[in-house]
């Protein structure tokens, strides 16, 4: 049996990740999931981390909760699905921890990389699709919805994360694919499908 491929979408809040996770999975016959919250245990951790009442949650505690979610997610869902030959399309991955808790919260990125790698047993996504939308547009989109704890952060937080994503993409271009998220959904989807075919040899069904 051919092993499935592990694809993750990354980007800031409001960039359209969730929409294109669903579209890509449907197009290639994969399964969708998300981090945090892709398992029952992860959903409980997600609820705590997004709760706007948890204003005292420390950056280190947040980072550990994220890695705990990912450890469960990899063991319970991702690795078994890949072994069964299913493609996994995830809304975020361990790279989000490097971006949010590393670049965003200013924690040590090398330490974050080490314990996240341990948590996921080195099962990093083979392809990371970064949907790139200017921060001004994203902040405008966020004004139209009820915000969670992360979405309520200030502009400088998101600017650091945005820089972090681009820094990681530039350092590992064979793994990362940057997609302009400003055209129509159909145009973005076409670019993603072409990129997935070019990078992984997976074509739409």
Protein backbone atom coordinates (compact mmCIF):
# COMPACT_ATOMS: atom_id res chain seq x y z
CA UNK A 1 0.00 0.00 0.00
CA UNK A 2 1.29 3.46 -0.92
CA UNK A 3 1.73 5.73 2.07
CA UNK A 4 -0.40 8.88 2.14
CA UNK A 5 1.09 12.37 2.01
CA UNK A 6 0.96 14.87 4.84
CA UNK A 7 0.06 18.42 3.73
CA UNK A 8 -0.43 21.38 6.08
CA UNK A 9 -1.83 24.84 5.48
CA UNK A 10 -0.33 27.77 7.37
CA UNK A 11 -1.09 31.48 7.58
CA UNK A 12 -2.52 34.17 9.78
CA UNK A 13 -6.13 34.27 10.99
CA UNK A 14 -8.56 35.13 8.22
CA UNK A 15 -6.31 34.11 5.32
CA UNK A 16 -8.66 31.40 4.05
CA UNK A 17 -6.87 28.29 5.31
CA UNK A 18 -9.99 26.42 6.41
CA UNK A 19 -11.71 26.93 3.07
CA UNK A 20 -8.76 25.63 1.09
CA UNK A 21 -8.06 22.73 3.45
CA UNK A 22 -11.56 21.47 2.65
CA UNK A 23 -11.28 22.18 -1.07
CA UNK A 24 -7.90 20.46 -1.44
CA UNK A 25 -8.92 17.39 0.56
CA UNK A 26 -12.06 16.99 -1.54
CA UNK A 27 -10.07 17.41 -4.75
CA UNK A 28 -7.43 14.76 -3.92
CA UNK A 29 -9.55 12.38 -1.85
CA UNK A 30 -7.79 13.22 1.42
CA UNK A 31 -9.03 13.69 4.96
CA UNK A 32 -9.22 17.05 6.73
CA UNK A 33 -8.09 17.84 10.23
CA UNK A 34 -6.78 20.77 12.26
CA UNK A 35 -4.31 21.74 14.95
CA UNK A 36 -5.12 22.38 17.66
CA UNK A 37 -8.34 20.41 18.04
CA UNK A 38 -8.12 17.50 15.60
CA UNK A 39 -8.90 14.96 18.34
CA UNK A 40 -11.22 14.92 21.38
CA UNK A 41 -8.29 15.62 23.69
CA UNK A 42 -7.06 18.32 21.34
CA UNK A 43 -10.50 19.93 21.25
CA UNK A 44 -10.38 20.38 25.03
CA UNK A 45 -6.92 21.94 24.81
CA UNK A 46 -8.06 24.17 21.94
CA UNK A 47 -11.03 25.44 23.92
CA UNK A 48 -8.78 26.44 26.81
CA UNK A 49 -6.27 28.19 24.59
CA UNK A 50 -8.84 30.16 22.58
CA UNK A 51 -10.95 31.16 25.59
CA UNK A 52 -10.77 34.94 25.97
CA UNK A 53 -11.15 34.54 29.75
CA UNK A 54 -7.75 32.84 30.01
CA UNK A 55 -5.77 36.06 30.02
CA UNK A 56 -3.19 34.66 32.47
CA UNK A 57 -2.10 31.75 30.26
CA UNK A 58 1.67 32.06 30.02
CA UNK A 59 3.51 31.74 26.68
CA UNK A 60 5.38 28.65 27.90
CA UNK A 61 2.18 26.98 29.10
CA UNK A 62 0.56 27.83 25.78
CA UNK A 63 3.49 26.29 23.89
CA UNK A 64 3.33 23.10 25.96
CA UNK A 65 -0.43 22.79 25.45
CA UNK A 66 0.05 23.19 21.71
CA UNK A 67 2.72 20.49 21.62
CA UNK A 68 0.52 18.19 23.72
CA UNK A 69 -2.29 18.63 21.20
CA UNK A 70 0.08 17.80 18.37
CA UNK A 71 1.50 14.72 20.08
CA UNK A 72 -2.03 13.32 20.44
CA UNK A 73 -2.99 14.38 16.92
CA UNK A 74 0.01 12.68 15.30
CA UNK A 75 -0.45 9.42 17.25
CA UNK A 76 -4.22 9.18 17.03
CA UNK A 77 -4.98 10.53 13.57
CA UNK A 78 -2.14 11.58 11.28
CA UNK A 79 0.24 8.59 11.38
CA UNK A 80 -2.52 5.93 11.20
CA UNK A 81 -4.17 7.73 8.27
CA UNK A 82 -0.89 8.05 6.35
CA UNK A 83 -0.09 4.38 7.01
CA UNK A 84 -3.51 3.47 5.61
CA UNK A 85 -2.65 5.30 2.39
CA UNK A 86 -4.80 8.37 3.02
CA UNK A 87 -3.61 11.89 2.30
CA UNK A 88 -3.90 14.15 5.36
CA UNK A 89 -4.68 17.84 4.81
CA UNK A 90 -4.30 19.78 8.04
CA UNK A 91 -5.31 23.28 9.04
CA UNK A 92 -1.99 24.18 10.76
CA UNK A 93 0.90 22.05 11.98
CA UNK A 94 3.85 22.24 14.36
CA UNK A 95 5.18 25.08 12.22
CA UNK A 96 2.42 27.24 13.71
CA UNK A 97 4.02 26.81 17.13
CA UNK A 98 7.31 28.10 15.77
CA UNK A 99 5.48 31.06 14.26
CA UNK A 100 3.07 31.90 17.08
CA UNK A 101 4.91 30.91 20.23
CA UNK A 102 8.37 31.48 18.75
CA UNK A 103 8.22 34.58 16.58
CA UNK A 104 4.93 35.85 18.07
CA UNK A 105 5.46 35.20 21.80
CA UNK A 106 9.26 35.58 21.49
CA UNK A 107 10.10 32.17 22.97
CA UNK A 108 13.32 30.42 21.97
CA UNK A 109 12.69 28.95 18.52
CA UNK A 110 15.38 26.27 18.74
CA UNK A 111 13.87 24.96 21.99
CA UNK A 112 10.38 25.01 20.49
CA UNK A 113 11.62 23.12 17.45
CA UNK A 114 13.25 20.46 19.62
CA UNK A 115 10.30 19.65 21.85
CA UNK A 116 7.76 19.91 19.04
CA UNK A 117 9.87 17.53 16.97
CA UNK A 118 9.87 15.13 19.93
CA UNK A 119 6.11 15.55 20.38
CA UNK A 120 5.33 14.70 16.77
CA UNK A 121 8.12 12.08 16.48
CA UNK A 122 9.65 14.04 13.60
CA UNK A 123 6.48 13.72 11.53
CA UNK A 124 6.64 17.20 10.01
CA UNK A 125 4.40 17.85 6.99
CA UNK A 126 5.94 17.07 3.62
CA UNK A 127 4.37 20.14 2.05
CA UNK A 128 3.42 23.37 3.79
CA UNK A 129 1.08 25.70 1.88
CA UNK A 130 1.36 29.24 3.22
CA UNK A 131 -1.57 31.41 2.14
CA UNK A 132 -0.12 34.89 2.01
CA UNK A 133 -2.51 37.79 2.58
CA UNK A 134 -1.38 41.31 3.61
CA UNK A 135 -1.87 42.04 7.31
CA UNK A 136 -4.09 45.06 6.64
CA UNK A 137 -6.56 42.87 4.76
CA UNK A 138 -6.51 40.21 7.47
CA UNK A 139 -7.16 42.69 10.27
CA UNK A 140 -10.06 44.10 8.26
CA UNK A 141 -11.54 40.61 7.91
CA UNK A 142 -11.16 39.95 11.65
CA UNK A 143 -13.26 43.02 12.45
CA UNK A 144 -16.25 41.18 10.99
CA UNK A 145 -16.26 38.27 13.45
CA UNK A 146 -16.16 37.46 17.13
CA UNK A 147 -12.52 37.20 18.13
CA UNK A 148 -10.82 34.45 20.14
CA UNK A 149 -7.84 34.95 22.47
CA UNK A 150 -5.25 34.85 19.67
CA UNK A 151 -7.24 37.06 17.31
CA UNK A 152 -7.41 39.79 19.96
CA UNK A 153 -3.63 40.30 19.95
CA UNK A 154 -2.17 43.55 18.68
CA UNK A 155 -0.80 44.26 15.22
CA UNK A 156 2.85 43.82 16.24
CA UNK A 157 2.12 40.23 17.29
CA UNK A 158 0.74 39.40 13.86
CA UNK A 159 3.58 41.23 12.13
CA UNK A 160 6.12 39.08 13.97
CA UNK A 161 4.23 35.91 13.01
CA UNK A 162 3.98 37.04 9.39
CA UNK A 163 7.73 37.62 9.33
CA UNK A 164 8.25 34.23 10.97
CA UNK A 165 6.28 32.37 8.32
CA UNK A 166 8.23 34.05 5.54
CA UNK A 167 11.52 33.36 7.32
CA UNK A 168 10.72 29.65 7.65
CA UNK A 169 9.54 29.45 4.04
CA UNK A 170 12.73 31.09 2.76
CA UNK A 171 14.88 28.70 4.82
CA UNK A 172 13.15 25.55 3.52
CA UNK A 173 11.80 26.27 0.01
CA UNK A 174 11.56 22.59 -0.97
CA UNK A 175 8.96 22.06 1.80
CA UNK A 176 7.13 25.40 1.70
CA UNK A 177 4.92 26.78 -1.04
CA UNK A 178 3.73 30.38 -0.83
CA UNK A 179 0.34 31.05 -2.40
CA UNK A 180 -1.07 34.54 -2.97
CA UNK A 181 -4.34 34.51 -1.06
CA UNK A 182 -5.76 37.76 -2.50
CA UNK A 183 -7.34 36.51 -5.78
CA UNK A 184 -10.72 34.74 -5.91
CA UNK A 185 -11.17 31.45 -4.07
CA UNK A 186 -11.26 29.53 -7.34
CA UNK A 187 -8.03 31.14 -8.54
CA UNK A 188 -6.31 30.36 -5.25
CA UNK A 189 -7.58 26.78 -5.41
CA UNK A 190 -6.19 26.37 -8.95
CA UNK A 191 -2.78 27.60 -7.83
CA UNK A 192 -2.81 25.20 -4.87
CA UNK A 193 -3.82 22.19 -7.00
CA UNK A 194 -1.10 22.97 -9.52
CA UNK A 195 1.47 23.32 -6.74
CA UNK A 196 0.44 20.02 -5.12
CA UNK A 197 0.73 18.28 -8.47
CA UNK A 198 4.13 19.81 -9.15
CA UNK A 199 5.54 19.14 -5.67
CA UNK A 200 4.00 15.80 -4.72
CA UNK A 201 2.71 14.38 -7.99
CA UNK A 202 -0.85 14.28 -6.65
CA UNK A 203 -3.56 15.19 -9.15
CA UNK A 204 -7.19 16.06 -8.56
CA UNK A 205 -9.64 13.16 -8.80
